Amino acid sequence: MEEKSVLAVTMGDPAGVGAEVIVGAYHTGHEDADLLVVGDAAVVRKAVEVTGADVDVRSVSDVTDARFEVGTLDVLNLNPIESHEWGILRKENGVASLAYVERAIDLAVDGDVDGIVTAPINKQATRMAGSEHAGHTGLLASRTGVDDYSMMLIESDLRVTHVSTHVPLREACDLVTTENVLDTIRVTREGLLDLGLSEPRIAVAGLNPHASDGGLLGDEERTEIEPAVERAREEGIDVEGPESPDTIYVQAARGRYDCVVSMYHDEGHIPIKMLGFSEGGEVSGVNMTIGLPIVRTSVDHGTAFDIAGEGIASPRSMEDAIEAATKAVENRRTRGNHRV
């Protein structure tokens, strides 16, 4: 039997639902991979109490001490916080959550784990802690020395990547350049190969309504996006566009395309969120950073301070993220591209 992959799962902001969704996902997740939580063991134990999860917590000081025994969640106990309260915005929690991510990245780069899965951090808390990055993605790229990367959101059969994410909309429009769009198409293809799609079909959304309607509603499609698509085709990538943003996501969700390259954050996030947030409160979907030398996936939701500590946060997205990371690690190995 092939040995399981080892995934470092970062706990996220201690005051959020990260620990709860991790313990909630354990029994599903450990079937696919051995999980090493990077966080605060005391907080994870509190999450077990509030959720009633049937799992023991074992604190370890080094990855080599992890045993990965069935029914026990190993926690790399990193810089335990002095006091803990659910749902509270604190600088100390921002410092802790950044430390978890940085340690997990180092473990993956050094080959001590096969990939990482991240629970949500709070951007306000990490800014209070001095981080210059708006979220995980920029930190991951900076720490691994990568310039060309993107965020891929996955919900059922719909996958979306982004030319830009956490920037003001006015700035996002300026970032729609031929080089940026082309780079995103390239890393999108690599990300789809990681997910096991051997001949990925990619669509590129326009920036303007109706993809500018032949130039009546802007010229970015003609001057920036079309040249990027043409160059990508010359490289052998199966890509079409620019397509009208108000219809292309429906076509992709129905299977015509494997991924849509979006021009900015909300253009890509809104269709994903519409599919991923159900009426029953369950949240599904995966956030995957593509273009990195390591595998990284994440839940597709935030810290949910308003329900943290109540034991009701859905572990579905964490289960999806663990499954996607495991699949990406396996496919990189198969392709001879396990770059860790």
C-alpha atoms as a PDB file:
ATOM      1  CA  MET A   1       0.000   0.000   0.000  1.00  0.00           C
ATOM      2  CA  GLU A   2       1.338   3.395  -0.967  1.00  0.00           C
ATOM      3  CA  GLU A   3       2.320   5.583   1.969  1.00  0.00           C
ATOM      4  CA  LYS A   4      -0.052   8.461   2.663  1.00  0.00           C
ATOM      5  CA  SER A   5       0.932  12.020   1.908  1.00  0.00           C
ATOM      6  CA  VAL A   6       1.613  14.227   4.924  1.00  0.00           C
ATOM      7  CA  LEU A   7      -0.215  17.555   4.960  1.00  0.00           C
ATOM      8  CA  ALA A   8       0.487  20.431   7.340  1.00  0.00           C
ATOM      9  CA  VAL A   9      -2.860  21.982   8.288  1.00  0.00           C
ATOM     10  CA  THR A  10      -2.510  25.489   9.704  1.00  0.00           C
ATOM     11  CA  MET A  11      -4.982  26.389  12.438  1.00  0.00           C
ATOM     12  CA  GLY A  12      -5.705  29.919  11.245  1.00  0.00           C
ATOM     13  CA  ASP A  13      -6.723  32.685  13.620  1.00  0.00           C
ATOM     14  CA  PRO A  14      -7.098  31.163  17.109  1.00  0.00           C
ATOM     15  CA  ALA A  15     -10.277  33.165  17.691  1.00  0.00           C
ATOM     16  CA  GLY A  16     -11.944  31.894  14.516  1.00  0.00           C
ATOM     17  CA  VAL A  17     -13.496  28.614  13.399  1.00  0.00           C
ATOM     18  CA  GLY A  18     -10.253  27.149  12.030  1.00  0.00           C
ATOM     19  CA  ALA A  19      -9.655  24.682  14.850  1.00  0.00           C
ATOM     20  CA  GLU A  20     -13.314  23.634  14.801  1.00  0.00           C
ATOM     21  CA  VAL A  21     -13.412  22.821  11.089  1.00  0.00           C
ATOM     22  CA  ILE A  22     -10.101  20.976  11.346  1.00  0.00           C
ATOM     23  CA  VAL A  23     -11.291  18.625  14.093  1.00  0.00           C
ATOM     24  CA  GLY A  24     -14.611  18.296  12.297  1.00  0.00           C
ATOM     25  CA  ALA A  25     -12.870  17.229   9.092  1.00  0.00           C
ATOM     26  CA  TYR A  26     -10.409  14.855  10.755  1.00  0.00           C
ATOM     27  CA  HIS A  27     -12.179  11.525  10.253  1.00  0.00           C
ATOM     28  CA  THR A  28     -12.819  12.286   6.577  1.00  0.00           C
ATOM     29  CA  GLY A  29      -9.471  13.944   5.947  1.00  0.00           C
ATOM     30  CA  HIS A  30      -7.187  11.347   7.533  1.00  0.00           C
ATOM     31  CA  GLU A  31      -8.471   8.712   5.109  1.00  0.00           C
ATOM     32  CA  ASP A  32      -6.744  10.617   2.311  1.00  0.00           C
ATOM     33  CA  ALA A  33      -3.599  11.859   4.087  1.00  0.00           C
ATOM     34  CA  ASP A  34      -1.763  12.054   7.399  1.00  0.00           C
ATOM     35  CA  LEU A  35      -2.592  15.415   8.969  1.00  0.00           C
ATOM     36  CA  LEU A  36      -0.268  17.520  11.107  1.00  0.00           C
ATOM     37  CA  VAL A  37      -1.966  20.577  12.565  1.00  0.00           C
ATOM     38  CA  VAL A  38       0.326  23.579  12.954  1.00  0.00           C
ATOM     39  CA  GLY A  39      -1.153  25.710  15.698  1.00  0.00           C
ATOM     40  CA  ASP A  40      -2.018  25.802  19.384  1.00  0.00           C
ATOM     41  CA  ALA A  41      -2.810  22.420  20.962  1.00  0.00           C
ATOM     42  CA  ALA A  42      -4.856  23.989  23.759  1.00  0.00           C
ATOM     43  CA  VAL A  43      -7.137  25.744  21.274  1.00  0.00           C
ATOM     44  CA  VAL A  44      -7.536  22.538  19.275  1.00  0.00           C
ATOM     45  CA  ARG A  45      -8.569  20.737  22.467  1.00  0.00           C
ATOM     46  CA  LYS A  46     -11.171  23.442  23.129  1.00  0.00           C
ATOM     47  CA  ALA A  47     -12.460  22.928  19.581  1.00  0.00           C
ATOM     48  CA  VAL A  48     -12.844  19.207  20.293  1.00  0.00           C
ATOM     49  CA  GLU A  49     -14.881  20.071  23.380  1.00  0.00           C
ATOM     50  CA  VAL A  50     -17.252  22.497  21.666  1.00  0.00           C
ATOM     51  CA  THR A  51     -17.788  20.317  18.595  1.00  0.00           C
ATOM     52  CA  GLY A  52     -17.928  16.980  20.358  1.00  0.00           C
ATOM     53  CA  ALA A  53     -15.536  15.558  17.771  1.00  0.00           C
ATOM     54  CA  ASP A  54     -14.398  12.000  18.433  1.00  0.00           C
ATOM     55  CA  VAL A  55     -10.677  12.666  18.232  1.00  0.00           C
ATOM     56  CA  ASP A  56      -7.803  12.933  20.694  1.00  0.00           C
ATOM     57  CA  VAL A  57      -5.227  15.728  20.492  1.00  0.00           C
ATOM     58  CA  ARG A  58      -1.517  15.032  20.863  1.00  0.00           C
ATOM     59  CA  SER A  59       0.934  17.922  21.193  1.00  0.00           C
ATOM     60  CA  VAL A  60       4.303  17.526  19.450  1.00  0.00           C
ATOM     61  CA  SER A  61       7.294  19.843  19.264  1.00  0.00           C
ATOM     62  CA  ASP A  62       8.657  18.624  15.934  1.00  0.00           C
ATOM     63  CA  VAL A  63       7.276  17.033  12.788  1.00  0.00           C
ATOM     64  CA  THR A  64       9.394  13.930  13.436  1.00  0.00           C
ATOM     65  CA  ASP A  65       7.465  13.330  16.674  1.00  0.00           C
ATOM     66  CA  ALA A  66       4.125  12.952  14.872  1.00  0.00           C
ATOM     67  CA  ARG A  67       2.724   9.400  14.979  1.00  0.00           C
ATOM     68  CA  PHE A  68      -0.410   9.839  12.826  1.00  0.00           C
ATOM     69  CA  GLU A  69      -2.317   7.250  14.859  1.00  0.00           C
ATOM     70  CA  VAL A  70      -5.943   6.652  13.935  1.00  0.00           C
ATOM     71  CA  GLY A  71      -8.210   8.708  16.184  1.00  0.00           C
ATOM     72  CA  THR A  72      -5.450  11.094  17.269  1.00  0.00           C
ATOM     73  CA  LEU A  73      -4.692  14.488  15.775  1.00  0.00           C
ATOM     74  CA  ASP A  74      -1.035  15.503  16.077  1.00  0.00           C
ATOM     75  CA  VAL A  75      -0.575  19.235  16.702  1.00  0.00           C
ATOM     76  CA  LEU A  76       2.764  20.957  16.198  1.00  0.00           C
ATOM     77  CA  ASN A  77       2.344  23.187  19.231  1.00  0.00           C
ATOM     78  CA  LEU A  78       3.770  26.478  18.021  1.00  0.00           C
ATOM     79  CA  ASN A  79       4.063  29.571  20.242  1.00  0.00           C
ATOM     80  CA  PRO A  80       0.921  28.963  22.348  1.00  0.00           C
ATOM     81  CA  ILE A  81      -1.024  32.173  22.969  1.00  0.00           C
ATOM     82  CA  GLU A  82      -1.271  33.409  26.566  1.00  0.00           C
ATOM     83  CA  SER A  83      -5.057  33.619  26.699  1.00  0.00           C
ATOM     84  CA  HIS A  84      -7.809  32.577  24.345  1.00  0.00           C
ATOM     85  CA  GLU A  85     -11.274  33.894  23.568  1.00  0.00           C
ATOM     86  CA  TRP A  86     -13.442  32.974  20.624  1.00  0.00           C
ATOM     87  CA  GLY A  87     -14.492  35.702  18.204  1.00  0.00           C
ATOM     88  CA  ILE A  88     -12.123  38.436  19.419  1.00  0.00           C
ATOM     89  CA  LEU A  89      -9.917  40.493  17.089  1.00  0.00           C
ATOM     90  CA  ARG A  90      -6.437  40.613  18.621  1.00  0.00           C
ATOM     91  CA  LYS A  91      -2.928  41.415  17.433  1.00  0.00           C
ATOM     92  CA  GLU A  92      -1.590  38.384  19.331  1.00  0.00           C
ATOM     93  CA  ASN A  93      -3.805  36.111  17.259  1.00  0.00           C
ATOM     94  CA  GLY A  94      -2.542  37.715  14.076  1.00  0.00           C
ATOM     95  CA  VAL A  95       1.052  37.076  15.138  1.00  0.00           C
ATOM     96  CA  ALA A  96       0.209  33.455  15.927  1.00  0.00           C
ATOM     97  CA  SER A  97      -1.655  32.747  12.698  1.00  0.00           C
ATOM     98  CA  LEU A  98       1.213  34.161  10.620  1.00  0.00           C
ATOM     99  CA  ALA A  99       3.690  31.998  12.528  1.00  0.00           C
ATOM    100  CA  TYR A 100       1.627  28.894  11.754  1.00  0.00           C
ATOM    101  CA  VAL A 101       1.611  29.626   8.022  1.00  0.00           C
ATOM    102  CA  GLU A 102       5.295  30.526   7.864  1.00  0.00           C
ATOM    103  CA  ARG A 103       6.264  27.318   9.670  1.00  0.00           C
ATOM    104  CA  ALA A 104       4.070  25.206   7.389  1.00  0.00           C
ATOM    105  CA  ILE A 105       5.593  26.787   4.277  1.00  0.00           C
ATOM    106  CA  ASP A 106       9.087  26.060   5.566  1.00  0.00           C
ATOM    107  CA  LEU A 107       8.133  22.443   6.301  1.00  0.00           C
ATOM    108  CA  ALA A 108       6.814  22.023   2.750  1.00  0.00           C
ATOM    109  CA  VAL A 109       9.791  23.722   1.103  1.00  0.00           C
ATOM    110  CA  ASP A 110      12.180  21.543   3.124  1.00  0.00           C
ATOM    111  CA  GLY A 111      10.265  18.409   2.158  1.00  0.00           C
ATOM    112  CA  ASP A 112       9.179  17.562   5.709  1.00  0.00           C
ATOM    113  CA  VAL A 113       5.540  17.584   4.563  1.00  0.00           C
ATOM    114  CA  ASP A 114       4.052  17.053   1.102  1.00  0.00           C
ATOM    115  CA  GLY A 115       1.740  20.059   1.053  1.00  0.00           C
ATOM    116  CA  ILE A 116      -0.196  22.490   3.200  1.00  0.00           C
ATOM    117  CA  VAL A 117      -3.859  23.207   3.876  1.00  0.00           C
ATOM    118  CA  THR A 118      -4.774  26.465   5.565  1.00  0.00           C
ATOM    119  CA  ALA A 119      -7.652  27.389   7.839  1.00  0.00           C
ATOM    120  CA  PRO A 120      -8.737  31.051   7.644  1.00  0.00           C
ATOM    121  CA  ILE A 121      -6.721  33.936   9.017  1.00  0.00           C
ATOM    122  CA  ASN A 122      -8.147  37.340   9.852  1.00  0.00           C
ATOM    123  CA  LYS A 123      -6.645  40.037   7.621  1.00  0.00           C
ATOM    124  CA  GLN A 124      -7.224  42.781  10.186  1.00  0.00           C
ATOM    125  CA  ALA A 125      -5.403  40.774  12.836  1.00  0.00           C
ATOM    126  CA  THR A 126      -2.450  40.006  10.561  1.00  0.00           C
ATOM    127  CA  ARG A 127      -2.192  43.674   9.582  1.00  0.00           C
ATOM    128  CA  MET A 128      -2.169  44.574  13.276  1.00  0.00           C
ATOM    129  CA  ALA A 129       0.656  42.046  13.584  1.00  0.00           C
ATOM    130  CA  GLY A 130       2.648  43.903  10.934  1.00  0.00           C
ATOM    131  CA  SER A 131       2.063  41.759   7.843  1.00  0.00           C
ATOM    132  CA  GLU A 132       2.381  43.594   4.530  1.00  0.00           C
ATOM    133  CA  HIS A 133       0.296  40.960   2.755  1.00  0.00           C
ATOM    134  CA  ALA A 134      -3.474  41.097   2.342  1.00  0.00           C
ATOM    135  CA  GLY A 135      -3.836  37.363   2.936  1.00  0.00           C
ATOM    136  CA  HIS A 136      -2.247  33.954   2.529  1.00  0.00           C
ATOM    137  CA  THR A 137      -1.540  34.179  -1.187  1.00  0.00           C
ATOM    138  CA  GLY A 138       0.946  37.031  -1.161  1.00  0.00           C
ATOM    139  CA  LEU A 139       2.737  35.575   1.861  1.00  0.00           C
ATOM    140  CA  LEU A 140       3.032  32.181   0.169  1.00  0.00           C
ATOM    141  CA  ALA A 141       4.413  33.702  -3.028  1.00  0.00           C
ATOM    142  CA  SER A 142       6.868  35.923  -1.180  1.00  0.00           C
ATOM    143  CA  ARG A 143       8.180  33.162   1.074  1.00  0.00           C
ATOM    144  CA  THR A 144       8.638  30.737  -1.847  1.00  0.00           C
ATOM    145  CA  GLY A 145      10.147  33.357  -4.180  1.00  0.00           C
ATOM    146  CA  VAL A 146       7.434  33.134  -6.838  1.00  0.00           C
ATOM    147  CA  ASP A 147       6.320  35.998  -9.110  1.00  0.00           C
ATOM    148  CA  ASP A 148       3.736  34.283 -11.336  1.00  0.00           C
ATOM    149  CA  TYR A 149       0.903  32.792  -9.297  1.00  0.00           C
ATOM    150  CA  SER A 150      -2.850  33.001  -8.928  1.00  0.00           C
ATOM    151  CA  MET A 151      -5.781  32.060  -6.736  1.00  0.00           C
ATOM    152  CA  MET A 152      -7.935  29.217  -8.052  1.00  0.00           C
ATOM    153  CA  LEU A 153     -11.360  28.718  -6.501  1.00  0.00           C
ATOM    154  CA  ILE A 154     -13.008  25.334  -6.929  1.00  0.00           C
ATOM    155  CA  GLU A 155     -16.672  24.552  -6.377  1.00  0.00           C
ATOM    156  CA  SER A 156     -18.034  21.339  -7.877  1.00  0.00           C
ATOM    157  CA  ASP A 157     -17.385  21.543 -11.641  1.00  0.00           C
ATOM    158  CA  LEU A 158     -16.665  25.286 -11.634  1.00  0.00           C
ATOM    159  CA  ARG A 159     -13.081  26.490 -11.284  1.00  0.00           C
ATOM    160  CA  VAL A 160     -12.014  30.119 -11.417  1.00  0.00           C
ATOM    161  CA  THR A 161      -8.629  31.860 -11.387  1.00  0.00           C
ATOM    162  CA  HIS A 162      -7.874  35.555 -11.080  1.00  0.00           C
ATOM    163  CA  VAL A 163      -5.578  38.088 -12.722  1.00  0.00           C
ATOM    164  CA  SER A 164      -5.860  40.155  -9.523  1.00  0.00           C
ATOM    165  CA  THR A 165      -7.492  39.598  -6.155  1.00  0.00           C
ATOM    166  CA  HIS A 166      -7.216  41.786  -3.062  1.00  0.00           C
ATOM    167  CA  VAL A 167      -6.739  45.205  -4.633  1.00  0.00           C
ATOM    168  CA  PRO A 168      -9.141  48.133  -5.154  1.00  0.00           C
ATOM    169  CA  LEU A 169     -11.251  47.823  -8.303  1.00  0.00           C
ATOM    170  CA  ARG A 170      -9.651  50.885  -9.912  1.00  0.00           C
ATOM    171  CA  GLU A 171      -6.234  49.276  -9.486  1.00  0.00           C
ATOM    172  CA  ALA A 172      -7.528  45.909 -10.683  1.00  0.00           C
ATOM    173  CA  CYS A 173      -8.451  47.421 -14.045  1.00  0.00           C
ATOM    174  CA  ASP A 174      -4.885  48.690 -14.482  1.00  0.00           C
ATOM    175  CA  LEU A 175      -3.565  45.190 -13.766  1.00  0.00           C
ATOM    176  CA  VAL A 176      -5.355  43.777 -16.805  1.00  0.00           C
ATOM    177  CA  THR A 177      -2.300  43.724 -19.060  1.00  0.00           C
ATOM    178  CA  THR A 178      -1.300  41.240 -21.735  1.00  0.00           C
ATOM    179  CA  GLU A 179       1.561  39.888 -19.630  1.00  0.00           C
ATOM    180  CA  ASN A 180      -0.543  39.515 -16.493  1.00  0.00           C
ATOM    181  CA  VAL A 181      -3.356  37.767 -18.341  1.00  0.00           C
ATOM    182  CA  LEU A 182      -0.913  35.471 -20.153  1.00  0.00           C
ATOM    183  CA  ASP A 183       0.873  34.581 -16.910  1.00  0.00           C
ATOM    184  CA  THR A 184      -2.469  33.720 -15.321  1.00  0.00           C
ATOM    185  CA  ILE A 185      -3.465  31.502 -18.252  1.00  0.00           C
ATOM    186  CA  ARG A 186      -0.158  29.649 -17.960  1.00  0.00           C
ATOM    187  CA  VAL A 187      -0.384  28.978 -14.216  1.00  0.00           C
ATOM    188  CA  THR A 188      -4.066  28.079 -14.625  1.00  0.00           C
ATOM    189  CA  ARG A 189      -3.076  25.287 -16.982  1.00  0.00           C
ATOM    190  CA  GLU A 190      -0.454  24.058 -14.498  1.00  0.00           C
ATOM    191  CA  GLY A 191      -2.997  24.107 -11.685  1.00  0.00           C
ATOM    192  CA  LEU A 192      -5.490  22.105 -13.723  1.00  0.00           C
ATOM    193  CA  LEU A 193      -2.815  19.521 -14.503  1.00  0.00           C
ATOM    194  CA  ASP A 194      -2.175  19.261 -10.747  1.00  0.00           C
ATOM    195  CA  LEU A 195      -5.857  18.441 -10.330  1.00  0.00           C
ATOM    196  CA  GLY A 196      -5.578  15.602 -12.837  1.00  0.00           C
ATOM    197  CA  LEU A 197      -7.054  17.286 -15.910  1.00  0.00           C
ATOM    198  CA  SER A 198      -4.687  16.123 -18.636  1.00  0.00           C
ATOM    199  CA  GLU A 199      -6.104  18.298 -21.451  1.00  0.00           C
ATOM    200  CA  PRO A 200      -7.587  21.340 -19.708  1.00  0.00           C
ATOM    201  CA  ARG A 201      -9.949  23.686 -21.527  1.00  0.00           C
ATOM    202  CA  ILE A 202      -9.695  27.295 -20.377  1.00  0.00           C
ATOM    203  CA  ALA A 203     -11.979  30.271 -20.968  1.00  0.00           C
ATOM    204  CA  VAL A 204     -10.923  33.870 -20.371  1.00  0.00           C
ATOM    205  CA  ALA A 205     -13.545  36.332 -19.171  1.00  0.00           C
ATOM    206  CA  GLY A 206     -13.614  39.906 -20.378  1.00  0.00           C
ATOM    207  CA  LEU A 207     -13.156  42.927 -18.165  1.00  0.00           C
ATOM    208  CA  ASN A 208     -16.002  45.031 -19.495  1.00  0.00           C
ATOM    209  CA  PRO A 209     -19.727  44.218 -19.833  1.00  0.00           C
ATOM    210  CA  HIS A 210     -20.283  41.791 -22.723  1.00  0.00           C
ATOM    211  CA  ALA A 211     -16.489  41.632 -23.179  1.00  0.00           C
ATOM    212  CA  SER A 212     -16.714  45.239 -24.477  1.00  0.00           C
ATOM    213  CA  ASP A 213     -19.348  44.387 -27.116  1.00  0.00           C
ATOM    214  CA  GLY A 214     -16.945  44.827 -30.006  1.00  0.00           C
ATOM    215  CA  GLY A 215     -15.274  47.887 -28.522  1.00  0.00           C
ATOM    216  CA  LEU A 216     -18.429  49.825 -27.673  1.00  0.00           C
ATOM    217  CA  LEU A 217     -17.872  49.408 -23.913  1.00  0.00           C
ATOM    218  CA  GLY A 218     -14.091  49.654 -23.611  1.00  0.00           C
ATOM    219  CA  ASP A 219     -10.976  48.499 -25.410  1.00  0.00           C
ATOM    220  CA  GLU A 220      -9.092  46.358 -22.845  1.00  0.00           C
ATOM    221  CA  GLU A 221     -10.369  43.196 -24.517  1.00  0.00           C
ATOM    222  CA  ARG A 222      -8.820  44.188 -27.853  1.00  0.00           C
ATOM    223  CA  THR A 223      -5.607  45.758 -26.566  1.00  0.00           C
ATOM    224  CA  GLU A 224      -4.701  43.503 -23.641  1.00  0.00           C
ATOM    225  CA  ILE A 225      -6.766  40.317 -23.317  1.00  0.00           C
ATOM    226  CA  GLU A 226      -6.996  39.124 -26.934  1.00  0.00           C
ATOM    227  CA  PRO A 227      -3.205  39.302 -27.463  1.00  0.00           C
ATOM    228  CA  ALA A 228      -2.694  37.223 -24.304  1.00  0.00           C
ATOM    229  CA  VAL A 229      -5.128  34.567 -25.518  1.00  0.00           C
ATOM    230  CA  GLU A 230      -3.457  34.453 -28.949  1.00  0.00           C
ATOM    231  CA  ARG A 231      -0.006  34.016 -27.421  1.00  0.00           C
ATOM    232  CA  ALA A 232      -1.281  31.269 -25.120  1.00  0.00           C
ATOM    233  CA  ARG A 233      -2.730  29.407 -28.108  1.00  0.00           C
ATOM    234  CA  GLU A 234       0.633  29.666 -29.864  1.00  0.00           C
ATOM    235  CA  GLU A 235       2.105  27.902 -26.819  1.00  0.00           C
ATOM    236  CA  GLY A 236      -0.339  25.036 -27.296  1.00  0.00           C
ATOM    237  CA  ILE A 237      -2.800  25.952 -24.536  1.00  0.00           C
ATOM    238  CA  ASP A 238      -6.476  25.198 -25.224  1.00  0.00           C
ATOM    239  CA  VAL A 239      -7.957  28.592 -24.409  1.00  0.00           C
ATOM    240  CA  GLU A 240     -10.806  30.762 -25.679  1.00  0.00           C
ATOM    241  CA  GLY A 241     -11.789  34.368 -25.046  1.00  0.00           C
ATOM    242  CA  PRO A 242     -12.322  37.004 -24.037  1.00  0.00           C
ATOM    243  CA  GLU A 243     -15.880  35.890 -23.326  1.00  0.00           C
ATOM    244  CA  SER A 244     -18.766  37.845 -21.855  1.00  0.00           C
ATOM    245  CA  PRO A 245     -18.512  37.665 -18.043  1.00  0.00           C
ATOM    246  CA  ASP A 246     -22.276  37.397 -17.591  1.00  0.00           C
ATOM    247  CA  THR A 247     -22.537  34.054 -19.428  1.00  0.00           C
ATOM    248  CA  ILE A 248     -19.154  32.325 -19.358  1.00  0.00           C
ATOM    249  CA  TYR A 249     -19.412  31.076 -15.767  1.00  0.00           C
ATOM    250  CA  VAL A 250     -22.678  29.286 -16.494  1.00  0.00           C
ATOM    251  CA  GLN A 251     -21.069  27.546 -19.467  1.00  0.00           C
ATOM    252  CA  ALA A 252     -18.080  26.502 -17.358  1.00  0.00           C
ATOM    253  CA  ALA A 253     -20.285  25.201 -14.537  1.00  0.00           C
ATOM    254  CA  ARG A 254     -22.087  23.051 -17.114  1.00  0.00           C
ATOM    255  CA  GLY A 255     -18.817  21.479 -18.237  1.00  0.00           C
ATOM    256  CA  ARG A 256     -17.862  23.339 -21.397  1.00  0.00           C
ATOM    257  CA  TYR A 257     -14.650  24.643 -19.797  1.00  0.00           C
ATOM    258  CA  ASP A 258     -12.462  23.386 -16.976  1.00  0.00           C
ATOM    259  CA  CYS A 259     -11.669  26.855 -15.653  1.00  0.00           C
ATOM    260  CA  VAL A 260     -12.443  30.527 -16.224  1.00  0.00           C
ATOM    261  CA  VAL A 261      -9.703  33.146 -15.930  1.00  0.00           C
ATOM    262  CA  SER A 262     -11.338  36.142 -14.229  1.00  0.00           C
ATOM    263  CA  MET A 263     -10.010  39.670 -14.457  1.00  0.00           C
ATOM    264  CA  TYR A 264     -10.607  40.678 -10.831  1.00  0.00           C
ATOM    265  CA  HIS A 265     -11.707  39.431  -7.413  1.00  0.00           C
ATOM    266  CA  ASP A 266     -15.489  39.789  -7.424  1.00  0.00           C
ATOM    267  CA  GLU A 267     -15.883  38.761 -11.061  1.00  0.00           C
ATOM    268  CA  GLY A 268     -14.628  35.313 -10.138  1.00  0.00           C
ATOM    269  CA  HIS A 269     -15.691  35.053  -6.509  1.00  0.00           C
ATOM    270  CA  ILE A 270     -19.388  35.807  -6.899  1.00  0.00           C
ATOM    271  CA  PRO A 271     -20.312  32.775  -9.064  1.00  0.00           C
ATOM    272  CA  ILE A 272     -18.238  30.500  -6.814  1.00  0.00           C
ATOM    273  CA  LYS A 273     -19.872  31.803  -3.636  1.00  0.00           C
ATOM    274  CA  MET A 274     -23.330  31.448  -5.176  1.00  0.00           C
ATOM    275  CA  LEU A 275     -22.659  27.733  -5.575  1.00  0.00           C
ATOM    276  CA  GLY A 276     -20.711  27.152  -2.364  1.00  0.00           C
ATOM    277  CA  PHE A 277     -22.924  28.721   0.298  1.00  0.00           C
ATOM    278  CA  SER A 278     -25.998  26.571   0.837  1.00  0.00           C
ATOM    279  CA  GLU A 279     -29.202  27.529   2.636  1.00  0.00           C
ATOM    280  CA  GLY A 280     -28.471  25.044   5.416  1.00  0.00           C
ATOM    281  CA  GLY A 281     -25.332  26.929   6.430  1.00  0.00           C
ATOM    282  CA  GLU A 282     -22.909  24.384   5.017  1.00  0.00           C
ATOM    283  CA  VAL A 283     -19.986  25.932   3.155  1.00  0.00           C
ATOM    284  CA  SER A 284     -18.098  23.996   0.509  1.00  0.00           C
ATOM    285  CA  GLY A 285     -15.412  24.821  -2.023  1.00  0.00           C
ATOM    286  CA  VAL A 286     -11.638  25.132  -2.112  1.00  0.00           C
ATOM    287  CA  ASN A 287      -9.142  27.965  -2.533  1.00  0.00           C
ATOM    288  CA  MET A 288      -5.943  26.704  -4.185  1.00  0.00           C
ATOM    289  CA  THR A 289      -2.834  28.795  -4.803  1.00  0.00           C
ATOM    290  CA  ILE A 290      -1.377  27.840  -8.183  1.00  0.00           C
ATOM    291  CA  GLY A 291       2.061  28.610  -9.553  1.00  0.00           C
ATOM    292  CA  LEU A 292       3.844  27.731  -6.293  1.00  0.00           C
ATOM    293  CA  PRO A 293       6.664  25.194  -5.877  1.00  0.00           C
ATOM    294  CA  ILE A 294       4.554  23.614  -3.111  1.00  0.00           C
ATOM    295  CA  VAL A 295       0.966  22.401  -2.917  1.00  0.00           C
ATOM    296  CA  ARG A 296      -1.348  24.703  -0.976  1.00  0.00           C
ATOM    297  CA  THR A 297      -5.108  24.584  -0.637  1.00  0.00           C
ATOM    298  CA  SER A 298      -7.453  26.337   1.762  1.00  0.00           C
ATOM    299  CA  VAL A 299     -11.030  26.550   2.896  1.00  0.00           C
ATOM    300  CA  ASP A 300     -13.197  28.948   0.931  1.00  0.00           C
ATOM    301  CA  HIS A 301     -14.554  30.904   3.879  1.00  0.00           C
ATOM    302  CA  GLY A 302     -13.377  33.302   6.559  1.00  0.00           C
ATOM    303  CA  THR A 303     -12.805  33.155  10.301  1.00  0.00           C
ATOM    304  CA  ALA A 304     -16.538  33.505  11.096  1.00  0.00           C
ATOM    305  CA  PHE A 305     -15.959  35.222  14.421  1.00  0.00           C
ATOM    306  CA  ASP A 306     -19.730  35.474  14.901  1.00  0.00           C
ATOM    307  CA  ILE A 307     -20.132  31.701  15.327  1.00  0.00           C
ATOM    308  CA  ALA A 308     -16.647  30.751  16.572  1.00  0.00           C
ATOM    309  CA  GLY A 309     -16.736  28.563  19.659  1.00  0.00           C
ATOM    310  CA  GLU A 310     -20.324  27.442  19.107  1.00  0.00           C
ATOM    311  CA  GLY A 311     -19.366  24.144  17.508  1.00  0.00           C
ATOM    312  CA  ILE A 312     -21.606  24.682  14.474  1.00  0.00           C
ATOM    313  CA  ALA A 313     -19.111  25.652  11.761  1.00  0.00           C
ATOM    314  CA  SER A 314     -19.313  23.328   8.751  1.00  0.00           C
ATOM    315  CA  PRO A 315     -16.158  21.261   8.105  1.00  0.00           C
ATOM    316  CA  ARG A 316     -17.202  20.604   4.480  1.00  0.00           C
ATOM    317  CA  SER A 317     -14.832  23.141   2.924  1.00  0.00           C
ATOM    318  CA  MET A 318     -11.911  21.845   4.994  1.00  0.00           C
ATOM    319  CA  GLU A 319     -12.709  18.309   3.862  1.00  0.00           C
ATOM    320  CA  ASP A 320     -12.722  19.535   0.250  1.00  0.00           C
ATOM    321  CA  ALA A 321      -9.413  21.349   0.748  1.00  0.00           C
ATOM    322  CA  ILE A 322      -7.706  18.269   2.202  1.00  0.00           C
ATOM    323  CA  GLU A 323      -9.005  16.143  -0.661  1.00  0.00           C
ATOM    324  CA  ALA A 324      -7.797  18.671  -3.278  1.00  0.00           C
ATOM    325  CA  ALA A 325      -4.339  18.925  -1.687  1.00  0.00           C
ATOM    326  CA  THR A 326      -3.994  15.153  -1.595  1.00  0.00           C
ATOM    327  CA  LYS A 327      -4.991  14.927  -5.246  1.00  0.00           C
ATOM    328  CA  ALA A 328      -2.548  17.677  -6.255  1.00  0.00           C
ATOM    329  CA  VAL A 329       0.344  15.992  -4.426  1.00  0.00           C
ATOM    330  CA  GLU A 330      -0.424  12.658  -6.091  1.00  0.00           C
ATOM    331  CA  ASN A 331      -0.728  14.192  -9.558  1.00  0.00           C
ATOM    332  CA  ARG A 332       2.522  16.118  -9.191  1.00  0.00           C
ATOM    333  CA  ARG A 333       4.244  12.887  -8.299  1.00  0.00           C
ATOM    334  CA  THR A 334       2.714  11.116 -11.280  1.00  0.00           C
ATOM    335  CA  ARG A 335       3.823  13.906 -13.602  1.00  0.00           C
ATOM    336  CA  GLY A 336       7.312  13.941 -12.108  1.00  0.00           C
ATOM    337  CA  ASN A 337       6.655  17.470 -10.928  1.00  0.00           C
ATOM    338  CA  HIS A 338       6.579  17.042  -7.156  1.00  0.00           C
ATOM    339  CA  ARG A 339       8.603  20.179  -6.653  1.00  0.00           C
ATOM    340  CA  VAL A 340       8.832  20.132  -2.896  1.00  0.00           C
END
